[in-house]
Amino acid sequence: MEKFVIQDRNKRRCTSDTPAGSPRKKIKQERDEKIKEEDSEDDEDAAFAEFSNPVPWQKIEAEGLDCDYALLFSKEEADCLFTQLEEEVVYARGEESKVQVYGKVYNIPRKQATYGDAGLTYTYSGVRRIACPWTPTLEYIRDTVTKTTGQTFNFVLVSRYKDGQDHMGEHRDDEKELDPGCPIASVSLGAARDFFFKHRDSRGKQSRRQIEPVKLELAHGSLLLMNPPTNTFWYHSLPVRKKILLPRINLTFRRILLDSKRESKPKPGDEASPSDQDLGNLEAGNMVNGLHLFRAFLVLLTTQTTLHSSQSLSLSHTHTRRWGLG
């Protein structure tokens, strides 16, 4: 209120200095002052807005799921960013492009790279990734996301899908290194792909509840903001789409905790437990065959237990440890 009083005084002072006989000039001055007042009000409202750089957001909600979706870049800018990333990003090769599940090594069905602030590391699927220095294009996209969301990020996982055959299995981004209070910002460039959310209680044949999955199409130049507690309750995946022939680059910006003393050491008995990322990769491609073999092996052990209880129990323990479950 005080601000409006001061502005009103200034307006009267300006109009009183206007020579008599020039009503048009007086009206113009009053109109200009009114416009300034309205602009000032708009600036104040923007300062208290949810996002510092508003875009047309679409809210996506379900039980325990909270996401915001928007087109962040125009087609022209998204095309340019895609081309620049193709020139700048260096993807992992050799052993870094593989994942170990139940003692077996598989190729990741997409290319991946990690970038971020100096000294940061990120561990998923039992593999520790060191962040490469930010490239100019990744810095630009990161800063744009920050201006749009009001959130800061110090790490990005870059995934490149050569076509619809490349995919990502069901998993949650809930690693201990991640700041639990910070959303994960997913920027999509290139071919549009289907993206699924599935509640943790509705997965598998013995699911406890019937909860409908949530399906999105992530468009070229789009931003998906996965807010807490989404990654606690919902798995997400990018399934195979054989009709998609063009490549796609996905950038998932994250905030990694900076406490260097905090290490995600496994508890006794948990060393061989597969992560959600492992299970997601297990469901992809020929990994399913390994799970089927494992189930058949358990059936065999159960039969042996009935016949030779004490001896079989010891054998069962040895083999489940080998498979990474004991």
C-alpha atoms as a PDB file:
ATOM      1  CA  MET A   1       0.000   0.000   0.000  1.00  0.00           C
ATOM      2  CA  GLU A   2       2.848   2.352   0.836  1.00  0.00           C
ATOM      3  CA  LYS A   3       4.297   1.852  -2.611  1.00  0.00           C
ATOM      4  CA  PHE A   4       1.102   2.903  -4.311  1.00  0.00           C
ATOM      5  CA  VAL A   5       0.903   6.070  -2.189  1.00  0.00           C
ATOM      6  CA  ILE A   6       4.424   7.090  -3.196  1.00  0.00           C
ATOM      7  CA  GLN A   7       3.702   6.470  -6.852  1.00  0.00           C
ATOM      8  CA  ASP A   8       0.474   8.467  -6.621  1.00  0.00           C
ATOM      9  CA  ARG A   9       2.365  11.433  -5.213  1.00  0.00           C
ATOM     10  CA  ASN A  10       4.860  11.309  -8.049  1.00  0.00           C
ATOM     11  CA  LYS A  11       2.057  11.194 -10.551  1.00  0.00           C
ATOM     12  CA  ARG A  12       0.427  14.322  -9.102  1.00  0.00           C
ATOM     13  CA  ARG A  13       3.750  16.130  -9.120  1.00  0.00           C
ATOM     14  CA  CYS A  14       4.286  15.295 -12.780  1.00  0.00           C
ATOM     15  CA  THR A  15       0.800  16.329 -13.812  1.00  0.00           C
ATOM     16  CA  SER A  16       1.000  19.595 -11.871  1.00  0.00           C
ATOM     17  CA  ASP A  17       4.081  20.584 -13.878  1.00  0.00           C
ATOM     18  CA  THR A  18       2.230  20.107 -17.141  1.00  0.00           C
ATOM     19  CA  PRO A  19       1.542  23.432 -18.857  1.00  0.00           C
ATOM     20  CA  ALA A  20      -2.102  24.464 -19.019  1.00  0.00           C
ATOM     21  CA  GLY A  21      -3.772  24.033 -22.333  1.00  0.00           C
ATOM     22  CA  SER A  22      -2.108  20.647 -23.210  1.00  0.00           C
ATOM     23  CA  PRO A  23      -4.675  18.005 -22.115  1.00  0.00           C
ATOM     24  CA  ARG A  24      -3.342  15.374 -24.535  1.00  0.00           C
ATOM     25  CA  LYS A  25       0.095  15.471 -22.946  1.00  0.00           C
ATOM     26  CA  LYS A  26      -1.459  15.290 -19.478  1.00  0.00           C
ATOM     27  CA  ILE A  27      -3.516  12.240 -20.408  1.00  0.00           C
ATOM     28  CA  LYS A  28      -0.469  10.537 -21.935  1.00  0.00           C
ATOM     29  CA  GLN A  29       1.583  11.090 -18.784  1.00  0.00           C
ATOM     30  CA  GLU A  30      -1.169   9.670 -16.578  1.00  0.00           C
ATOM     31  CA  ARG A  31      -1.503   6.642 -18.876  1.00  0.00           C
ATOM     32  CA  ASP A  32       2.267   6.030 -18.776  1.00  0.00           C
ATOM     33  CA  GLU A  33       2.251   6.194 -14.982  1.00  0.00           C
ATOM     34  CA  LYS A  34      -0.596   3.682 -14.842  1.00  0.00           C
ATOM     35  CA  ILE A  35       1.281   1.293 -17.107  1.00  0.00           C
ATOM     36  CA  LYS A  36       4.356   1.549 -14.875  1.00  0.00           C
ATOM     37  CA  GLU A  37       2.260   0.716 -11.821  1.00  0.00           C
ATOM     38  CA  GLU A  38       0.756  -2.338 -13.532  1.00  0.00           C
ATOM     39  CA  ASP A  39       4.193  -3.537 -14.657  1.00  0.00           C
ATOM     40  CA  SER A  40       5.472  -3.188 -11.104  1.00  0.00           C
ATOM     41  CA  GLU A  41       2.599  -5.316  -9.816  1.00  0.00           C
ATOM     42  CA  ASP A  42       3.310  -7.966 -12.437  1.00  0.00           C
ATOM     43  CA  ASP A  43       6.967  -8.087 -11.388  1.00  0.00           C
ATOM     44  CA  GLU A  44       5.984  -8.668  -7.778  1.00  0.00           C
ATOM     45  CA  ASP A  45       3.590 -11.455  -8.735  1.00  0.00           C
ATOM     46  CA  ALA A  46       6.275 -13.135 -10.823  1.00  0.00           C
ATOM     47  CA  ALA A  47       8.679 -13.112  -7.892  1.00  0.00           C
ATOM     48  CA  PHE A  48       6.282 -15.258  -5.911  1.00  0.00           C
ATOM     49  CA  ALA A  49       5.400 -17.606  -8.763  1.00  0.00           C
ATOM     50  CA  GLU A  50       6.129 -21.334  -8.433  1.00  0.00           C
ATOM     51  CA  PHE A  51       8.639 -21.235 -11.268  1.00  0.00           C
ATOM     52  CA  SER A  52      10.954 -18.318 -12.004  1.00  0.00           C
ATOM     53  CA  ASN A  53      10.548 -18.622 -15.779  1.00  0.00           C
ATOM     54  CA  PRO A  54       6.894 -19.642 -16.299  1.00  0.00           C
ATOM     55  CA  VAL A  55       5.996 -21.980 -19.149  1.00  0.00           C
ATOM     56  CA  PRO A  56       2.622 -23.643 -19.863  1.00  0.00           C
ATOM     57  CA  TRP A  57       2.855 -26.559 -17.416  1.00  0.00           C
ATOM     58  CA  GLN A  58       0.692 -29.652 -17.458  1.00  0.00           C
ATOM     59  CA  LYS A  59       0.236 -31.224 -14.022  1.00  0.00           C
ATOM     60  CA  ILE A  60       0.320 -35.042 -13.907  1.00  0.00           C
ATOM     61  CA  GLU A  61      -0.882 -36.542 -10.652  1.00  0.00           C
ATOM     62  CA  ALA A  62      -1.874 -39.880  -9.183  1.00  0.00           C
ATOM     63  CA  GLU A  63      -1.505 -41.579  -5.810  1.00  0.00           C
ATOM     64  CA  GLY A  64       2.076 -40.776  -4.794  1.00  0.00           C
ATOM     65  CA  LEU A  65       2.881 -39.414  -8.278  1.00  0.00           C
ATOM     66  CA  ASP A  66       3.567 -35.719  -8.842  1.00  0.00           C
ATOM     67  CA  CYS A  67       4.980 -34.558 -12.191  1.00  0.00           C
ATOM     68  CA  ASP A  68       5.026 -31.380 -14.263  1.00  0.00           C
ATOM     69  CA  TYR A  69       5.344 -31.496 -18.051  1.00  0.00           C
ATOM     70  CA  ALA A  70       5.992 -28.688 -20.528  1.00  0.00           C
ATOM     71  CA  LEU A  71       7.559 -27.901 -23.880  1.00  0.00           C
ATOM     72  CA  LEU A  72      10.748 -26.147 -22.852  1.00  0.00           C
ATOM     73  CA  PHE A  73      12.374 -25.527 -26.247  1.00  0.00           C
ATOM     74  CA  SER A  74      10.940 -24.634 -29.634  1.00  0.00           C
ATOM     75  CA  LYS A  75      11.487 -27.101 -32.467  1.00  0.00           C
ATOM     76  CA  GLU A  76      14.207 -24.936 -33.995  1.00  0.00           C
ATOM     77  CA  GLU A  77      16.140 -24.640 -30.737  1.00  0.00           C
ATOM     78  CA  ALA A  78      15.621 -28.305 -29.881  1.00  0.00           C
ATOM     79  CA  ASP A  79      16.977 -29.294 -33.299  1.00  0.00           C
ATOM     80  CA  CYS A  80      20.064 -27.158 -32.717  1.00  0.00           C
ATOM     81  CA  LEU A  81      20.644 -28.566 -29.222  1.00  0.00           C
ATOM     82  CA  PHE A  82      20.339 -32.135 -30.489  1.00  0.00           C
ATOM     83  CA  THR A  83      22.964 -31.489 -33.180  1.00  0.00           C
ATOM     84  CA  GLN A  84      25.343 -29.883 -30.691  1.00  0.00           C
ATOM     85  CA  LEU A  85      24.997 -32.764 -28.228  1.00  0.00           C
ATOM     86  CA  GLU A  86      25.796 -35.233 -30.996  1.00  0.00           C
ATOM     87  CA  GLU A  87      29.097 -33.429 -31.438  1.00  0.00           C
ATOM     88  CA  GLU A  88      29.970 -32.876 -27.769  1.00  0.00           C
ATOM     89  CA  VAL A  89      28.866 -35.885 -25.724  1.00  0.00           C
ATOM     90  CA  VAL A  90      31.266 -38.822 -25.382  1.00  0.00           C
ATOM     91  CA  TYR A  91      29.431 -42.002 -24.384  1.00  0.00           C
ATOM     92  CA  ALA A  92      30.764 -44.831 -22.248  1.00  0.00           C
ATOM     93  CA  ARG A  93      32.443 -47.757 -23.982  1.00  0.00           C
ATOM     94  CA  GLY A  94      33.815 -51.141 -23.066  1.00  0.00           C
ATOM     95  CA  GLU A  95      33.100 -52.304 -19.520  1.00  0.00           C
ATOM     96  CA  GLU A  96      31.426 -49.006 -18.632  1.00  0.00           C
ATOM     97  CA  SER A  97      28.703 -49.742 -21.188  1.00  0.00           C
ATOM     98  CA  LYS A  98      27.750 -53.020 -19.495  1.00  0.00           C
ATOM     99  CA  VAL A  99      25.782 -53.978 -16.405  1.00  0.00           C
ATOM    100  CA  GLN A 100      26.019 -56.979 -14.141  1.00  0.00           C
ATOM    101  CA  VAL A 101      22.811 -58.752 -13.078  1.00  0.00           C
ATOM    102  CA  TYR A 102      22.763 -61.954 -11.042  1.00  0.00           C
ATOM    103  CA  GLY A 103      26.410 -62.526 -11.842  1.00  0.00           C
ATOM    104  CA  LYS A 104      25.981 -62.132 -15.607  1.00  0.00           C
ATOM    105  CA  VAL A 105      27.165 -59.199 -17.700  1.00  0.00           C
ATOM    106  CA  TYR A 106      24.838 -57.595 -20.250  1.00  0.00           C
ATOM    107  CA  ASN A 107      25.114 -54.710 -22.684  1.00  0.00           C
ATOM    108  CA  ILE A 108      23.028 -51.692 -21.708  1.00  0.00           C
ATOM    109  CA  PRO A 109      20.349 -51.283 -24.429  1.00  0.00           C
ATOM    110  CA  ARG A 110      21.267 -47.616 -25.010  1.00  0.00           C
ATOM    111  CA  LYS A 111      24.342 -45.371 -24.840  1.00  0.00           C
ATOM    112  CA  GLN A 112      25.050 -43.466 -21.644  1.00  0.00           C
ATOM    113  CA  ALA A 113      27.344 -40.723 -20.377  1.00  0.00           C
ATOM    114  CA  THR A 114      27.664 -38.831 -17.093  1.00  0.00           C
ATOM    115  CA  TYR A 115      28.519 -35.146 -16.694  1.00  0.00           C
ATOM    116  CA  GLY A 116      28.518 -32.809 -13.727  1.00  0.00           C
ATOM    117  CA  ASP A 117      30.446 -30.760 -11.198  1.00  0.00           C
ATOM    118  CA  ALA A 118      34.047 -31.715 -10.444  1.00  0.00           C
ATOM    119  CA  GLY A 119      34.541 -34.699  -8.158  1.00  0.00           C
ATOM    120  CA  LEU A 120      30.998 -36.051  -8.343  1.00  0.00           C
ATOM    121  CA  THR A 121      30.319 -39.761  -8.718  1.00  0.00           C
ATOM    122  CA  TYR A 122      27.083 -41.680  -9.182  1.00  0.00           C
ATOM    123  CA  THR A 123      26.521 -45.391  -8.599  1.00  0.00           C
ATOM    124  CA  TYR A 124      23.705 -47.407 -10.155  1.00  0.00           C
ATOM    125  CA  SER A 125      23.383 -51.030 -11.238  1.00  0.00           C
ATOM    126  CA  GLY A 126      26.535 -51.719  -9.243  1.00  0.00           C
ATOM    127  CA  VAL A 127      28.632 -49.470 -11.485  1.00  0.00           C
ATOM    128  CA  ARG A 128      30.291 -46.292 -10.252  1.00  0.00           C
ATOM    129  CA  ARG A 129      30.235 -43.414 -12.752  1.00  0.00           C
ATOM    130  CA  ILE A 130      32.544 -40.405 -12.560  1.00  0.00           C
ATOM    131  CA  ALA A 131      31.138 -37.111 -13.833  1.00  0.00           C
ATOM    132  CA  CYS A 132      32.889 -35.594 -16.847  1.00  0.00           C
ATOM    133  CA  PRO A 133      33.165 -31.760 -16.967  1.00  0.00           C
ATOM    134  CA  TRP A 134      30.092 -29.950 -18.273  1.00  0.00           C
ATOM    135  CA  THR A 135      30.037 -29.224 -22.002  1.00  0.00           C
ATOM    136  CA  PRO A 136      28.806 -25.794 -23.187  1.00  0.00           C
ATOM    137  CA  THR A 137      25.523 -27.212 -24.487  1.00  0.00           C
ATOM    138  CA  LEU A 138      24.841 -29.231 -21.334  1.00  0.00           C
ATOM    139  CA  GLU A 139      25.535 -26.130 -19.249  1.00  0.00           C
ATOM    140  CA  TYR A 140      23.090 -24.113 -21.344  1.00  0.00           C
ATOM    141  CA  ILE A 141      20.328 -26.717 -21.007  1.00  0.00           C
ATOM    142  CA  ARG A 142      21.010 -27.089 -17.272  1.00  0.00           C
ATOM    143  CA  ASP A 143      20.803 -23.322 -16.716  1.00  0.00           C
ATOM    144  CA  THR A 144      17.581 -23.128 -18.741  1.00  0.00           C
ATOM    145  CA  VAL A 145      16.036 -25.879 -16.628  1.00  0.00           C
ATOM    146  CA  THR A 146      17.150 -24.085 -13.459  1.00  0.00           C
ATOM    147  CA  LYS A 147      15.610 -20.786 -14.574  1.00  0.00           C
ATOM    148  CA  THR A 148      12.388 -22.576 -15.452  1.00  0.00           C
ATOM    149  CA  THR A 149      12.035 -24.702 -12.326  1.00  0.00           C
ATOM    150  CA  GLY A 150      13.875 -22.759  -9.654  1.00  0.00           C
ATOM    151  CA  GLN A 151      15.873 -25.937  -8.858  1.00  0.00           C
ATOM    152  CA  THR A 152      19.648 -26.329  -9.090  1.00  0.00           C
ATOM    153  CA  PHE A 153      21.334 -29.451 -10.458  1.00  0.00           C
ATOM    154  CA  ASN A 154      24.950 -30.627 -10.302  1.00  0.00           C
ATOM    155  CA  PHE A 155      24.800 -33.829 -12.364  1.00  0.00           C
ATOM    156  CA  VAL A 156      23.235 -35.160 -15.545  1.00  0.00           C
ATOM    157  CA  LEU A 157      22.870 -38.665 -16.954  1.00  0.00           C
ATOM    158  CA  VAL A 158      22.806 -38.581 -20.766  1.00  0.00           C
ATOM    159  CA  SER A 159      21.105 -41.496 -22.540  1.00  0.00           C
ATOM    160  CA  ARG A 160      21.084 -41.935 -26.320  1.00  0.00           C
ATOM    161  CA  TYR A 161      18.583 -44.252 -28.003  1.00  0.00           C
ATOM    162  CA  LYS A 162      19.596 -44.991 -31.577  1.00  0.00           C
ATOM    163  CA  ASP A 163      16.011 -45.961 -32.515  1.00  0.00           C
ATOM    164  CA  GLY A 164      12.928 -47.637 -31.045  1.00  0.00           C
ATOM    165  CA  GLN A 165      14.832 -50.856 -30.359  1.00  0.00           C
ATOM    166  CA  ASP A 166      16.883 -49.134 -27.660  1.00  0.00           C
ATOM    167  CA  HIS A 167      14.921 -48.984 -24.442  1.00  0.00           C
ATOM    168  CA  MET A 168      14.947 -48.715 -20.647  1.00  0.00           C
ATOM    169  CA  GLY A 169      13.463 -51.268 -18.244  1.00  0.00           C
ATOM    170  CA  GLU A 170      11.317 -50.500 -15.217  1.00  0.00           C
ATOM    171  CA  HIS A 171      13.233 -48.893 -12.360  1.00  0.00           C
ATOM    172  CA  ARG A 172      13.193 -46.076  -9.827  1.00  0.00           C
ATOM    173  CA  ASP A 173      15.788 -43.316  -9.529  1.00  0.00           C
ATOM    174  CA  ASP A 174      16.116 -43.699  -5.765  1.00  0.00           C
ATOM    175  CA  GLU A 175      19.853 -44.091  -5.277  1.00  0.00           C
ATOM    176  CA  LYS A 176      21.250 -42.921  -1.931  1.00  0.00           C
ATOM    177  CA  GLU A 177      23.500 -40.333  -3.575  1.00  0.00           C
ATOM    178  CA  LEU A 178      20.498 -38.313  -4.755  1.00  0.00           C
ATOM    179  CA  ASP A 179      19.005 -35.438  -2.784  1.00  0.00           C
ATOM    180  CA  PRO A 180      15.562 -36.809  -1.812  1.00  0.00           C
ATOM    181  CA  GLY A 181      14.045 -33.329  -1.739  1.00  0.00           C
ATOM    182  CA  CYS A 182      15.086 -32.409  -5.287  1.00  0.00           C
ATOM    183  CA  PRO A 183      13.044 -33.372  -8.359  1.00  0.00           C
ATOM    184  CA  ILE A 184      14.612 -35.111 -11.346  1.00  0.00           C
ATOM    185  CA  ALA A 185      14.349 -33.006 -14.495  1.00  0.00           C
ATOM    186  CA  SER A 186      14.141 -35.045 -17.711  1.00  0.00           C
ATOM    187  CA  VAL A 187      14.753 -33.221 -20.997  1.00  0.00           C
ATOM    188  CA  SER A 188      13.904 -35.072 -24.237  1.00  0.00           C
ATOM    189  CA  LEU A 189      15.397 -34.273 -27.646  1.00  0.00           C
ATOM    190  CA  GLY A 190      14.791 -36.182 -30.866  1.00  0.00           C
ATOM    191  CA  ALA A 191      12.190 -38.845 -31.581  1.00  0.00           C
ATOM    192  CA  ALA A 192       9.088 -38.764 -29.386  1.00  0.00           C
ATOM    193  CA  ARG A 193       8.851 -41.885 -27.196  1.00  0.00           C
ATOM    194  CA  ASP A 194       6.250 -43.457 -24.922  1.00  0.00           C
ATOM    195  CA  PHE A 195       7.056 -43.219 -21.228  1.00  0.00           C
ATOM    196  CA  PHE A 196       5.309 -45.327 -18.578  1.00  0.00           C
ATOM    197  CA  PHE A 197       4.841 -45.026 -14.824  1.00  0.00           C
ATOM    198  CA  LYS A 198       3.785 -48.102 -12.841  1.00  0.00           C
ATOM    199  CA  HIS A 199       2.997 -48.104  -9.128  1.00  0.00           C
ATOM    200  CA  ARG A 200       5.168 -50.392  -7.040  1.00  0.00           C
ATOM    201  CA  ASP A 201       2.118 -52.148  -5.532  1.00  0.00           C
ATOM    202  CA  SER A 202       0.711 -53.065  -8.955  1.00  0.00           C
ATOM    203  CA  ARG A 203       3.791 -54.737 -10.430  1.00  0.00           C
ATOM    204  CA  GLY A 204       4.063 -58.456 -11.124  1.00  0.00           C
ATOM    205  CA  LYS A 205       1.568 -61.310 -11.186  1.00  0.00           C
ATOM    206  CA  GLN A 206       1.146 -61.243  -7.419  1.00  0.00           C
ATOM    207  CA  SER A 207       0.503 -57.500  -7.188  1.00  0.00           C
ATOM    208  CA  ARG A 208      -1.305 -56.329  -4.085  1.00  0.00           C
ATOM    209  CA  ARG A 209      -3.406 -53.632  -5.757  1.00  0.00           C
ATOM    210  CA  GLN A 210      -4.914 -52.667  -9.083  1.00  0.00           C
ATOM    211  CA  ILE A 211      -3.535 -49.223  -9.968  1.00  0.00           C
ATOM    212  CA  GLU A 212      -3.682 -48.001 -13.545  1.00  0.00           C
ATOM    213  CA  PRO A 213      -0.306 -47.172 -15.094  1.00  0.00           C
ATOM    214  CA  VAL A 214       0.326 -43.651 -16.340  1.00  0.00           C
ATOM    215  CA  LYS A 215       1.432 -43.220 -19.945  1.00  0.00           C
ATOM    216  CA  LEU A 216       3.040 -40.125 -21.465  1.00  0.00           C
ATOM    217  CA  GLU A 217       4.575 -39.246 -24.798  1.00  0.00           C
ATOM    218  CA  LEU A 218       7.780 -37.287 -24.295  1.00  0.00           C
ATOM    219  CA  ALA A 219       8.020 -34.843 -27.181  1.00  0.00           C
ATOM    220  CA  HIS A 220      11.011 -33.218 -28.848  1.00  0.00           C
ATOM    221  CA  GLY A 221      12.138 -30.298 -26.663  1.00  0.00           C
ATOM    222  CA  SER A 222      10.021 -31.280 -23.659  1.00  0.00           C
ATOM    223  CA  LEU A 223      10.764 -31.211 -19.923  1.00  0.00           C
ATOM    224  CA  LEU A 224       9.324 -33.700 -17.436  1.00  0.00           C
ATOM    225  CA  LEU A 225       9.794 -32.784 -13.792  1.00  0.00           C
ATOM    226  CA  MET A 226       9.484 -35.811 -11.484  1.00  0.00           C
ATOM    227  CA  ASN A 227       8.800 -34.338  -8.063  1.00  0.00           C
ATOM    228  CA  PRO A 228       9.064 -36.182  -4.740  1.00  0.00           C
ATOM    229  CA  PRO A 229       7.710 -38.657  -3.746  1.00  0.00           C
ATOM    230  CA  THR A 230       7.261 -39.991  -7.305  1.00  0.00           C
ATOM    231  CA  ASN A 231      10.410 -42.127  -7.319  1.00  0.00           C
ATOM    232  CA  THR A 232       9.463 -43.685  -4.006  1.00  0.00           C
ATOM    233  CA  PHE A 233       6.186 -45.202  -5.195  1.00  0.00           C
ATOM    234  CA  TRP A 234       6.378 -45.339  -9.002  1.00  0.00           C
ATOM    235  CA  TYR A 235       8.657 -47.202 -11.420  1.00  0.00           C
ATOM    236  CA  HIS A 236       9.206 -45.729 -14.880  1.00  0.00           C
ATOM    237  CA  SER A 237      10.274 -47.220 -18.197  1.00  0.00           C
ATOM    238  CA  LEU A 238      10.793 -46.483 -21.880  1.00  0.00           C
ATOM    239  CA  PRO A 239       9.597 -49.598 -23.775  1.00  0.00           C
ATOM    240  CA  VAL A 240      10.634 -50.871 -27.187  1.00  0.00           C
ATOM    241  CA  ARG A 241       8.870 -49.212 -30.131  1.00  0.00           C
ATOM    242  CA  LYS A 242       9.952 -50.955 -33.321  1.00  0.00           C
ATOM    243  CA  LYS A 243       8.318 -48.374 -35.584  1.00  0.00           C
ATOM    244  CA  ILE A 244      10.533 -45.577 -34.233  1.00  0.00           C
ATOM    245  CA  LEU A 245      13.481 -45.245 -36.606  1.00  0.00           C
ATOM    246  CA  LEU A 246      15.026 -41.976 -35.415  1.00  0.00           C
ATOM    247  CA  PRO A 247      17.380 -41.365 -32.462  1.00  0.00           C
ATOM    248  CA  ARG A 248      16.526 -39.729 -29.152  1.00  0.00           C
ATOM    249  CA  ILE A 249      18.696 -38.091 -26.490  1.00  0.00           C
ATOM    250  CA  ASN A 250      17.430 -37.871 -22.921  1.00  0.00           C
ATOM    251  CA  LEU A 251      19.022 -35.754 -20.191  1.00  0.00           C
ATOM    252  CA  THR A 252      18.065 -36.448 -16.581  1.00  0.00           C
ATOM    253  CA  PHE A 253      19.358 -33.661 -14.365  1.00  0.00           C
ATOM    254  CA  ARG A 254      19.871 -34.579 -10.714  1.00  0.00           C
ATOM    255  CA  ARG A 255      21.240 -33.131  -7.502  1.00  0.00           C
ATOM    256  CA  ILE A 256      23.814 -35.363  -5.852  1.00  0.00           C
ATOM    257  CA  LEU A 257      24.537 -34.909  -2.162  1.00  0.00           C
ATOM    258  CA  LEU A 258      27.938 -33.345  -1.568  1.00  0.00           C
ATOM    259  CA  ASP A 259      28.791 -35.088   1.720  1.00  0.00           C
ATOM    260  CA  SER A 260      31.985 -36.851   0.708  1.00  0.00           C
ATOM    261  CA  LYS A 261      32.026 -38.827   3.959  1.00  0.00           C
ATOM    262  CA  ARG A 262      28.665 -40.388   3.214  1.00  0.00           C
ATOM    263  CA  GLU A 263      29.151 -43.620   1.344  1.00  0.00           C
ATOM    264  CA  SER A 264      26.314 -45.925   0.337  1.00  0.00           C
ATOM    265  CA  LYS A 265      27.820 -48.971   2.040  1.00  0.00           C
ATOM    266  CA  PRO A 266      25.660 -52.077   1.836  1.00  0.00           C
ATOM    267  CA  LYS A 267      24.428 -53.665   5.035  1.00  0.00           C
ATOM    268  CA  PRO A 268      25.454 -57.229   5.886  1.00  0.00           C
ATOM    269  CA  GLY A 269      23.432 -59.576   3.755  1.00  0.00           C
ATOM    270  CA  ASP A 270      22.519 -56.871   1.213  1.00  0.00           C
ATOM    271  CA  GLU A 271      25.712 -56.971  -0.840  1.00  0.00           C
ATOM    272  CA  ALA A 272      24.223 -59.143  -3.561  1.00  0.00           C
ATOM    273  CA  SER A 273      20.738 -57.610  -3.637  1.00  0.00           C
ATOM    274  CA  PRO A 274      19.989 -56.237  -7.120  1.00  0.00           C
ATOM    275  CA  SER A 275      19.003 -52.587  -7.414  1.00  0.00           C
ATOM    276  CA  ASP A 276      15.865 -51.325  -9.150  1.00  0.00           C
ATOM    277  CA  GLN A 277      18.016 -50.420 -12.135  1.00  0.00           C
ATOM    278  CA  ASP A 278      19.300 -54.000 -12.235  1.00  0.00           C
ATOM    279  CA  LEU A 279      15.772 -55.369 -12.197  1.00  0.00           C
ATOM    280  CA  GLY A 280      14.748 -52.947 -14.918  1.00  0.00           C
ATOM    281  CA  ASN A 281      17.585 -54.091 -17.125  1.00  0.00           C
ATOM    282  CA  LEU A 282      16.805 -57.712 -16.268  1.00  0.00           C
ATOM    283  CA  GLU A 283      13.365 -57.323 -17.807  1.00  0.00           C
ATOM    284  CA  ALA A 284      14.877 -56.010 -21.020  1.00  0.00           C
ATOM    285  CA  GLY A 285      15.647 -58.355 -23.918  1.00  0.00           C
ATOM    286  CA  ASN A 286      17.385 -61.632 -23.211  1.00  0.00           C
ATOM    287  CA  MET A 287      17.732 -60.888 -19.474  1.00  0.00           C
ATOM    288  CA  VAL A 288      14.296 -62.410 -18.992  1.00  0.00           C
ATOM    289  CA  ASN A 289      15.760 -65.776 -19.917  1.00  0.00           C
ATOM    290  CA  GLY A 290      18.112 -65.626 -16.957  1.00  0.00           C
ATOM    291  CA  LEU A 291      15.182 -65.038 -14.615  1.00  0.00           C
ATOM    292  CA  HIS A 292      13.316 -68.030 -16.049  1.00  0.00           C
ATOM    293  CA  LEU A 293      16.350 -70.237 -15.523  1.00  0.00           C
ATOM    294  CA  PHE A 294      16.622 -69.009 -11.973  1.00  0.00           C
ATOM    295  CA  ARG A 295      12.986 -69.890 -11.254  1.00  0.00           C
ATOM    296  CA  ALA A 296      13.498 -73.368 -12.664  1.00  0.00           C
ATOM    297  CA  PHE A 297      16.547 -73.743 -10.469  1.00  0.00           C
ATOM    298  CA  LEU A 298      14.520 -72.831  -7.377  1.00  0.00           C
ATOM    299  CA  VAL A 299      11.942 -75.475  -8.268  1.00  0.00           C
ATOM    300  CA  LEU A 300      14.728 -78.051  -8.505  1.00  0.00           C
ATOM    301  CA  LEU A 301      16.103 -77.034  -5.122  1.00  0.00           C
ATOM    302  CA  THR A 302      12.650 -77.278  -3.544  1.00  0.00           C
ATOM    303  CA  THR A 303      12.326 -80.834  -4.807  1.00  0.00           C
ATOM    304  CA  GLN A 304      15.725 -81.722  -3.423  1.00  0.00           C
ATOM    305  CA  THR A 305      14.798 -80.208  -0.076  1.00  0.00           C
ATOM    306  CA  THR A 306      11.829 -82.580   0.244  1.00  0.00           C
ATOM    307  CA  LEU A 307      14.064 -85.610  -0.306  1.00  0.00           C
ATOM    308  CA  HIS A 308      17.201 -84.563   1.564  1.00  0.00           C
ATOM    309  CA  SER A 309      16.323 -81.734   3.915  1.00  0.00           C
ATOM    310  CA  SER A 310      19.556 -81.019   5.746  1.00  0.00           C
ATOM    311  CA  GLN A 311      21.907 -81.486   2.819  1.00  0.00           C
ATOM    312  CA  SER A 312      19.713 -79.534   0.423  1.00  0.00           C
ATOM    313  CA  LEU A 313      19.347 -76.568   2.743  1.00  0.00           C
ATOM    314  CA  SER A 314      23.112 -76.120   2.736  1.00  0.00           C
ATOM    315  CA  LEU A 315      23.267 -76.442  -1.046  1.00  0.00           C
ATOM    316  CA  SER A 316      20.413 -73.964  -1.486  1.00  0.00           C
ATOM    317  CA  HIS A 317      22.212 -71.337   0.565  1.00  0.00           C
ATOM    318  CA  THR A 318      25.377 -71.720  -1.515  1.00  0.00           C
ATOM    319  CA  HIS A 319      23.573 -71.312  -4.844  1.00  0.00           C
ATOM    320  CA  THR A 320      21.345 -68.388  -3.854  1.00  0.00           C
ATOM    321  CA  ARG A 321      24.456 -66.499  -2.771  1.00  0.00           C
ATOM    322  CA  ARG A 322      25.949 -67.190  -6.189  1.00  0.00           C
ATOM    323  CA  TRP A 323      22.845 -65.741  -7.846  1.00  0.00           C
ATOM    324  CA  GLY A 324      23.052 -62.630  -5.720  1.00  0.00           C
ATOM    325  CA  LEU A 325      20.003 -63.157  -3.505  1.00  0.00           C
ATOM    326  CA  GLY A 326      21.431 -64.408  -0.245  1.00  0.00           C
END
